[in-house]
C-alpha atoms as a PDB file:
ATOM      1  CA  MET A   1     -19.520  17.757 -11.561  1.00  0.00           C
ATOM      2  CA  LYS A   2     -22.356  16.390 -13.658  1.00  0.00           C
ATOM      3  CA  VAL A   3     -22.462  12.712 -14.627  1.00  0.00           C
ATOM      4  CA  MET A   4     -21.690  13.244 -18.320  1.00  0.00           C
ATOM      5  CA  GLU A   5     -18.786  15.499 -17.381  1.00  0.00           C
ATOM      6  CA  ALA A   6     -17.327  12.780 -15.129  1.00  0.00           C
ATOM      7  CA  ILE A   7     -17.811  10.152 -17.859  1.00  0.00           C
ATOM      8  CA  LEU A   8     -16.141  12.299 -20.506  1.00  0.00           C
ATOM      9  CA  ASN A   9     -13.281  13.413 -18.226  1.00  0.00           C
ATOM     10  CA  ARG A  10     -12.385  10.050 -16.651  1.00  0.00           C
ATOM     11  CA  ARG A  11      -8.866   8.907 -17.524  1.00  0.00           C
ATOM     12  CA  SER A  12      -6.562   6.211 -16.223  1.00  0.00           C
ATOM     13  CA  ILE A  13      -4.193   8.052 -13.904  1.00  0.00           C
ATOM     14  CA  ARG A  14      -0.951   6.278 -12.987  1.00  0.00           C
ATOM     15  CA  ARG A  15       1.010   9.098 -11.329  1.00  0.00           C
ATOM     16  CA  PHE A  16      -0.112  10.514  -8.015  1.00  0.00           C
ATOM     17  CA  THR A  17       0.881  13.282  -5.611  1.00  0.00           C
ATOM     18  CA  ASP A  18       1.547  12.525  -1.949  1.00  0.00           C
ATOM     19  CA  LYS A  19      -1.652  14.303  -0.820  1.00  0.00           C
ATOM     20  CA  PRO A  20      -3.763  11.889   1.271  1.00  0.00           C
ATOM     21  CA  ILE A  21      -7.349  11.100   0.366  1.00  0.00           C
ATOM     22  CA  ALA A  22      -9.797  11.870   3.169  1.00  0.00           C
ATOM     23  CA  LYS A  23     -11.474   8.877   4.797  1.00  0.00           C
ATOM     24  CA  GLU A  24     -14.851  10.463   3.993  1.00  0.00           C
ATOM     25  CA  ASP A  25     -13.973  10.501   0.300  1.00  0.00           C
ATOM     26  CA  ILE A  26     -13.069   6.789   0.395  1.00  0.00           C
ATOM     27  CA  THR A  27     -16.448   6.163   2.027  1.00  0.00           C
ATOM     28  CA  SER A  28     -18.120   8.190  -0.738  1.00  0.00           C
ATOM     29  CA  LEU A  29     -16.386   6.049  -3.376  1.00  0.00           C
ATOM     30  CA  LEU A  30     -17.576   2.865  -1.674  1.00  0.00           C
ATOM     31  CA  ARG A  31     -21.101   4.266  -1.348  1.00  0.00           C
ATOM     32  CA  ALA A  32     -21.063   4.983  -5.109  1.00  0.00           C
ATOM     33  CA  ALA A  33     -19.832   1.444  -5.770  1.00  0.00           C
ATOM     34  CA  MET A  34     -22.669  -0.080  -3.791  1.00  0.00           C
ATOM     35  CA  MET A  35     -25.223   1.862  -5.818  1.00  0.00           C
ATOM     36  CA  GLY A  36     -24.269  -0.112  -8.927  1.00  0.00           C
ATOM     37  CA  PRO A  37     -26.797  -2.521 -10.405  1.00  0.00           C
ATOM     38  CA  THR A  38     -26.512  -6.260  -9.835  1.00  0.00           C
ATOM     39  CA  ALA A  39     -28.232  -9.310 -11.321  1.00  0.00           C
ATOM     40  CA  ARG A  40     -31.300 -10.092  -9.224  1.00  0.00           C
ATOM     41  CA  ASN A  41     -30.107  -7.428  -6.751  1.00  0.00           C
ATOM     42  CA  CYS A  42     -27.757  -9.918  -5.071  1.00  0.00           C
ATOM     43  CA  GLN A  43     -25.096  -7.273  -4.309  1.00  0.00           C
ATOM     44  CA  GLU A  44     -22.302  -9.838  -4.196  1.00  0.00           C
ATOM     45  CA  TRP A  45     -19.519  -7.252  -4.152  1.00  0.00           C
ATOM     46  CA  GLU A  46     -16.959  -7.043  -1.359  1.00  0.00           C
ATOM     47  CA  PHE A  47     -14.230  -4.403  -1.065  1.00  0.00           C
ATOM     48  CA  VAL A  48     -10.800  -4.458   0.528  1.00  0.00           C
ATOM     49  CA  VAL A  49      -9.418  -0.978   1.169  1.00  0.00           C
ATOM     50  CA  VAL A  50      -5.620  -0.990   1.268  1.00  0.00           C
ATOM     51  CA  ARG A  51      -3.441   1.909   2.378  1.00  0.00           C
ATOM     52  CA  ASP A  52      -0.403   0.078   3.743  1.00  0.00           C
ATOM     53  CA  LYS A  53       2.693   0.632   1.580  1.00  0.00           C
ATOM     54  CA  ALA A  54       4.130  -2.774   2.552  1.00  0.00           C
ATOM     55  CA  THR A  55       0.958  -4.428   1.217  1.00  0.00           C
ATOM     56  CA  PHE A  56       1.259  -2.374  -1.983  1.00  0.00           C
ATOM     57  CA  LYS A  57       4.797  -3.736  -2.430  1.00  0.00           C
ATOM     58  CA  LYS A  58       3.546  -7.319  -2.008  1.00  0.00           C
ATOM     59  CA  ILE A  59       0.797  -6.699  -4.559  1.00  0.00           C
ATOM     60  CA  THR A  60       3.345  -5.475  -7.127  1.00  0.00           C
ATOM     61  CA  SER A  61       5.159  -8.794  -6.736  1.00  0.00           C
ATOM     62  CA  VAL A  62       2.084 -10.668  -8.053  1.00  0.00           C
ATOM     63  CA  HIS A  63       0.736  -8.026 -10.438  1.00  0.00           C
ATOM     64  CA  PRO A  64       3.301  -6.801 -12.970  1.00  0.00           C
ATOM     65  CA  TYR A  65       1.222  -3.774 -14.008  1.00  0.00           C
ATOM     66  CA  ALA A  66       0.575  -2.434 -10.502  1.00  0.00           C
ATOM     67  CA  GLN A  67       3.784  -0.426 -10.095  1.00  0.00           C
ATOM     68  CA  MET A  68       1.843   2.842  -9.679  1.00  0.00           C
ATOM     69  CA  LEU A  69       0.762   1.597  -6.249  1.00  0.00           C
ATOM     70  CA  ALA A  70       4.135   2.874  -4.993  1.00  0.00           C
ATOM     71  CA  GLN A  71       2.730   6.409  -5.434  1.00  0.00           C
ATOM     72  CA  ALA A  72      -0.938   5.722  -4.668  1.00  0.00           C
ATOM     73  CA  ASP A  73      -2.492   6.789  -1.394  1.00  0.00           C
ATOM     74  CA  CYS A  74      -5.111   4.062  -1.446  1.00  0.00           C
ATOM     75  CA  ALA A  75      -6.296   1.049  -3.381  1.00  0.00           C
ATOM     76  CA  ILE A  76      -9.688  -0.593  -3.435  1.00  0.00           C
ATOM     77  CA  VAL A  77      -9.738  -4.266  -4.356  1.00  0.00           C
ATOM     78  CA  VAL A  78     -13.132  -5.118  -5.834  1.00  0.00           C
ATOM     79  CA  CYS A  79     -14.150  -8.716  -5.176  1.00  0.00           C
ATOM     80  CA  GLY A  80     -17.141 -10.933  -5.857  1.00  0.00           C
ATOM     81  CA  ASN A  81     -18.587 -13.133  -3.129  1.00  0.00           C
ATOM     82  CA  THR A  82     -19.726 -16.214  -5.036  1.00  0.00           C
ATOM     83  CA  GLN A  83     -21.775 -17.406  -2.035  1.00  0.00           C
ATOM     84  CA  ARG A  84     -24.082 -14.405  -2.548  1.00  0.00           C
ATOM     85  CA  GLU A  85     -24.676 -15.041  -6.250  1.00  0.00           C
ATOM     86  CA  HIS A  86     -28.277 -15.672  -7.244  1.00  0.00           C
ATOM     87  CA  ALA A  87     -27.307 -15.735 -10.905  1.00  0.00           C
ATOM     88  CA  PRO A  88     -24.067 -17.739 -11.283  1.00  0.00           C
ATOM     89  CA  GLY A  89     -21.399 -16.081 -13.369  1.00  0.00           C
ATOM     90  CA  TYR A  90     -22.774 -12.550 -13.060  1.00  0.00           C
ATOM     91  CA  TRP A  91     -20.452 -11.447 -10.249  1.00  0.00           C
ATOM     92  CA  MET A  92     -17.900 -10.144 -12.788  1.00  0.00           C
ATOM     93  CA  ALA A  93     -20.422  -7.846 -14.493  1.00  0.00           C
ATOM     94  CA  ASP A  94     -21.914  -6.731 -11.185  1.00  0.00           C
ATOM     95  CA  CYS A  95     -18.498  -5.928  -9.721  1.00  0.00           C
ATOM     96  CA  GLY A  96     -17.556  -4.220 -12.999  1.00  0.00           C
ATOM     97  CA  ALA A  97     -20.530  -1.878 -12.558  1.00  0.00           C
ATOM     98  CA  ALA A  98     -19.382  -1.132  -8.989  1.00  0.00           C
ATOM     99  CA  THR A  99     -15.882  -0.476 -10.323  1.00  0.00           C
ATOM    100  CA  GLN A 100     -17.118   1.974 -12.943  1.00  0.00           C
ATOM    101  CA  ASN A 101     -19.064   3.834 -10.265  1.00  0.00           C
ATOM    102  CA  ILE A 102     -15.872   4.145  -8.196  1.00  0.00           C
ATOM    103  CA  LEU A 103     -13.921   5.448 -11.197  1.00  0.00           C
ATOM    104  CA  LEU A 104     -16.591   8.031 -12.050  1.00  0.00           C
ATOM    105  CA  ALA A 105     -17.070   9.135  -8.434  1.00  0.00           C
ATOM    106  CA  ALA A 106     -13.291   9.504  -8.068  1.00  0.00           C
ATOM    107  CA  THR A 107     -13.214  11.715 -11.169  1.00  0.00           C
ATOM    108  CA  ALA A 108     -16.033  13.848  -9.764  1.00  0.00           C
ATOM    109  CA  LEU A 109     -14.061  14.265  -6.497  1.00  0.00           C
ATOM    110  CA  GLY A 110     -10.852  15.213  -8.323  1.00  0.00           C
ATOM    111  CA  ILE A 111      -9.202  11.910  -7.382  1.00  0.00           C
ATOM    112  CA  GLY A 112      -7.165  10.042  -9.978  1.00  0.00           C
ATOM    113  CA  SER A 113      -7.762   6.343 -10.506  1.00  0.00           C
ATOM    114  CA  VAL A 114      -6.768   3.400 -12.644  1.00  0.00           C
ATOM    115  CA  TRP A 115      -8.395  -0.043 -13.009  1.00  0.00           C
ATOM    116  CA  LEU A 116      -5.847  -2.870 -12.698  1.00  0.00           C
ATOM    117  CA  GLY A 117      -7.260  -6.130 -14.002  1.00  0.00           C
ATOM    118  CA  VAL A 118      -6.868  -9.236 -11.852  1.00  0.00           C
ATOM    119  CA  TYR A 119      -9.604 -11.656 -13.006  1.00  0.00           C
ATOM    120  CA  PRO A 120      -9.348 -13.970 -14.981  1.00  0.00           C
ATOM    121  CA  ASN A 121      -5.550 -14.234 -14.524  1.00  0.00           C
ATOM    122  CA  GLN A 122      -5.348 -17.135 -12.063  1.00  0.00           C
ATOM    123  CA  ASP A 123      -1.812 -16.298 -10.878  1.00  0.00           C
ATOM    124  CA  ARG A 124      -2.854 -12.740 -10.016  1.00  0.00           C
ATOM    125  CA  MET A 125      -6.060 -13.950  -8.375  1.00  0.00           C
ATOM    126  CA  ASP A 126      -4.230 -16.527  -6.256  1.00  0.00           C
ATOM    127  CA  GLY A 127      -1.428 -14.134  -5.312  1.00  0.00           C
ATOM    128  CA  LEU A 128      -3.767 -11.299  -4.362  1.00  0.00           C
ATOM    129  CA  SER A 129      -6.066 -13.669  -2.468  1.00  0.00           C
ATOM    130  CA  ALA A 130      -3.099 -14.898  -0.413  1.00  0.00           C
ATOM    131  CA  ILE A 131      -1.822 -11.381   0.316  1.00  0.00           C
ATOM    132  CA  LEU A 132      -5.248 -10.142   1.421  1.00  0.00           C
ATOM    133  CA  GLY A 133      -6.394 -13.347   3.134  1.00  0.00           C
ATOM    134  CA  LEU A 134      -9.490 -13.700   0.953  1.00  0.00           C
ATOM    135  CA  PRO A 135     -11.670 -16.759   1.645  1.00  0.00           C
ATOM    136  CA  PRO A 136     -12.017 -19.198  -1.288  1.00  0.00           C
ATOM    137  CA  HIS A 137     -15.530 -17.991  -2.191  1.00  0.00           C
ATOM    138  CA  VAL A 138     -14.360 -14.371  -2.599  1.00  0.00           C
ATOM    139  CA  LYS A 139     -12.786 -13.691  -6.003  1.00  0.00           C
ATOM    140  CA  PRO A 140     -10.771 -10.532  -6.753  1.00  0.00           C
ATOM    141  CA  LEU A 141     -11.870  -8.832  -9.966  1.00  0.00           C
ATOM    142  CA  ASN A 142      -9.557  -5.833  -9.937  1.00  0.00           C
ATOM    143  CA  ILE A 143      -7.542  -3.308  -7.992  1.00  0.00           C
ATOM    144  CA  ILE A 144      -8.320   0.390  -8.272  1.00  0.00           C
ATOM    145  CA  ALA A 145      -5.278   2.549  -7.487  1.00  0.00           C
ATOM    146  CA  LEU A 146      -6.285   5.957  -6.134  1.00  0.00           C
ATOM    147  CA  GLY A 147      -4.556   9.255  -5.445  1.00  0.00           C
ATOM    148  CA  TYR A 148      -4.577  12.883  -6.443  1.00  0.00           C
ATOM    149  CA  PRO A 149      -3.360  13.169 -10.051  1.00  0.00           C
ATOM    150  CA  ASN A 150       0.225  14.120 -10.762  1.00  0.00           C
ATOM    151  CA  GLU A 151      -0.353  13.998 -14.521  1.00  0.00           C
ATOM    152  CA  LYS A 152      -2.774  15.540 -16.966  1.00  0.00           C
ATOM    153  CA  LYS A 153      -4.274  13.412 -19.721  1.00  0.00           C
ATOM    154  CA  GLU A 154      -5.384  14.734 -23.081  1.00  0.00           C
ATOM    155  CA  GLU A 155      -9.064  14.829 -23.955  1.00  0.00           C
ATOM    156  CA  VAL A 156     -10.187  11.940 -26.127  1.00  0.00           C
ATOM    157  CA  ASP A 157     -13.333  11.262 -28.068  1.00  0.00           C
ATOM    158  CA  ARG A 158     -13.909   7.539 -28.433  1.00  0.00           C
ATOM    159  CA  PHE A 159     -17.337   7.875 -30.013  1.00  0.00           C
ATOM    160  CA  ASP A 160     -17.373   5.803 -33.199  1.00  0.00           C
ATOM    161  CA  PRO A 161     -20.611   5.618 -35.198  1.00  0.00           C
ATOM    162  CA  ALA A 162     -19.193   2.623 -37.124  1.00  0.00           C
ATOM    163  CA  LYS A 163     -19.653   0.543 -33.954  1.00  0.00           C
ATOM    164  CA  ILE A 164     -23.370   1.237 -33.819  1.00  0.00           C
ATOM    165  CA  HIS A 165     -25.745  -1.234 -35.479  1.00  0.00           C
ATOM    166  CA  LEU A 166     -29.449  -0.486 -35.724  1.00  0.00           C
ATOM    167  CA  GLU A 167     -31.866  -3.353 -35.435  1.00  0.00           C
ATOM    168  CA  LYS A 168     -29.436  -5.870 -36.974  1.00  0.00           C
ATOM    169  CA  TRP A 169     -25.747  -6.248 -37.623  1.00  0.00           C
END
């Protein structure tokens, strides 16, 4: 699948089959994530790969919009290590770029995914940090639920020329 095809076909998938995702494919997703750009090349991302259903259940107790984890085969929690920041405050953007790479790579591999926001909701951050045993300097940005799609989403075209401003507003 070409890059533009993955970008145009990516959808938030919340229903998954029970087909397991190969370990090699998870590694490919993480490799794609780590190719994302970062401010001053500090690469402050950290990833927690979760496959345990009991952990998924705990996560749903602190994240009200994570119910699809009950069907997911895997989740990747994208975190920022603030001790690695060379440019304070950029970890969110840098980890967001890594997240987008995971979402696009998953689409290219035929894997469904959905981004579940954690940061800046302090209750979700604290709850997830406790469940996963994150050290205080590691901040969870989001959870990406992954699995083979058990739903088909309609094509959408979000291109809106009215949102484009040339030279000035």
